[in-house]
Protein backbone atom coordinates (compact mmCIF):
# COMPACT_ATOMS: atom_id res chain seq x y z
CA MET A 1 -5.83 -60.19 159.35
CA VAL A 2 -6.53 -59.55 162.92
CA THR A 3 -7.48 -56.09 164.12
CA ASN A 4 -7.95 -54.55 167.32
CA ARG A 5 -10.37 -51.97 166.17
CA LEU A 6 -14.66 -52.30 167.11
CA SER A 7 -17.42 -51.30 164.75
CA ILE A 8 -16.72 -47.61 165.17
CA PRO A 9 -19.12 -45.05 164.09
CA VAL A 10 -19.05 -43.21 160.56
CA HIS A 11 -19.87 -39.35 159.72
CA ASN A 12 -19.84 -37.77 156.56
CA ALA A 13 -17.64 -34.45 156.59
CA LEU A 14 -20.78 -32.54 155.55
CA ALA A 15 -22.23 -33.15 159.24
CA PHE A 16 -19.76 -30.65 160.17
CA THR A 17 -19.03 -26.98 159.79
CA TRP A 18 -15.38 -26.44 158.51
CA ALA A 19 -12.80 -23.58 159.39
CA GLY A 20 -9.80 -24.69 157.66
CA THR A 21 -8.81 -28.00 160.05
CA VAL A 22 -11.55 -27.41 162.63
CA GLY A 23 -15.09 -29.00 162.23
CA VAL A 24 -17.98 -27.99 164.36
CA ALA A 25 -21.15 -29.32 165.10
CA ASP A 26 -23.84 -29.30 168.10
CA VAL A 27 -24.75 -33.03 169.67
CA SER A 28 -28.19 -32.69 168.70
CA ASP A 29 -27.51 -32.90 165.00
CA LEU A 30 -25.52 -36.27 165.40
CA PRO A 31 -26.89 -39.61 165.98
CA GLU A 32 -27.60 -40.64 169.62
CA HIS A 33 -24.34 -43.04 169.73
CA PHE A 34 -22.19 -40.59 167.38
CA PHE A 35 -18.97 -42.01 169.39
CA SER A 36 -17.67 -45.34 170.32
CA ARG A 37 -14.80 -47.35 172.14
CA VAL A 38 -12.25 -47.42 168.99
CA TYR A 39 -10.08 -50.30 170.32
CA LYS A 40 -10.93 -53.67 172.24
CA ASP A 41 -7.98 -53.36 174.55
CA ALA A 42 -8.45 -49.79 175.45
CA CYS A 43 -10.82 -46.99 176.53
CA ASP A 44 -10.23 -44.33 173.79
CA ILE A 45 -13.74 -43.35 172.25
CA GLY A 46 -14.12 -42.08 168.68
CA PHE A 47 -15.48 -42.06 165.12
CA TYR A 48 -14.53 -41.91 161.78
CA VAL A 49 -15.20 -38.98 159.34
CA ARG A 50 -15.69 -39.86 155.65
CA SER A 51 -14.69 -36.86 152.94
CA GLU A 52 -17.37 -36.35 150.17
CA ARG A 53 -14.58 -35.10 148.07
CA THR A 54 -11.87 -37.61 148.49
CA GLY A 55 -13.67 -40.78 149.76
CA ARG A 56 -10.86 -40.65 152.89
CA PHE A 57 -11.81 -41.90 156.21
CA LEU A 58 -10.45 -40.12 159.10
CA LEU A 59 -10.13 -41.56 162.69
CA PHE A 60 -10.82 -38.88 165.24
CA THR A 61 -10.34 -39.72 169.25
CA GLU A 62 -11.33 -37.76 171.98
CA THR A 63 -8.59 -35.57 173.34
CA ALA A 64 -10.59 -33.07 175.62
CA HIS A 65 -13.45 -32.11 177.41
CA MET A 66 -15.00 -28.52 177.26
CA LYS A 67 -16.52 -27.63 180.62
CA VAL A 68 -18.05 -24.08 181.77
CA ASN A 69 -17.58 -22.66 184.93
CA GLU A 70 -20.12 -24.63 187.39
CA GLY A 71 -18.28 -27.72 185.78
CA GLU A 72 -20.57 -28.63 183.34
CA LEU A 73 -19.90 -30.51 180.03
CA ALA A 74 -20.17 -28.33 177.33
CA GLY A 75 -18.64 -30.22 174.70
CA TRP A 76 -16.11 -32.88 173.53
CA VAL A 77 -12.96 -32.39 171.60
CA PHE A 78 -11.52 -34.86 169.08
CA THR A 79 -8.63 -34.88 166.96
CA SER A 80 -7.27 -37.23 163.85
CA ASP A 81 -3.62 -38.31 163.46
CA GLU A 82 -3.42 -36.23 160.08
CA GLY A 83 -3.99 -32.87 162.49
CA PHE A 84 -7.57 -32.17 161.95
CA THR A 85 -9.85 -31.27 165.08
CA ILE A 86 -13.62 -31.84 165.79
CA LYS A 87 -15.44 -29.52 168.60
CA ILE A 88 -18.78 -30.96 169.50
CA PHE A 89 -20.86 -28.71 171.53
CA ASN A 90 -23.38 -30.24 174.24
CA ASP A 91 -26.32 -27.74 173.40
């Protein structure tokens, strides 16, 4: 089986604080390279999150940047096809 996916970082769901379907974390609480390119032929970036409870892996891809008034990067927004969102703040 040929796949178009690259080696993608995997994070435990417990690395994020969850409120319903939204998880949050500070970038300093994640590994240095917390995301990577997802596909060989596209520039999408993202990571997997593994649920401790179910063992499922969900792929999250970047959908937005959060910026402050001066245009400084305040964080990233990643979403999954299953309707979950993760916000990572650039502390």
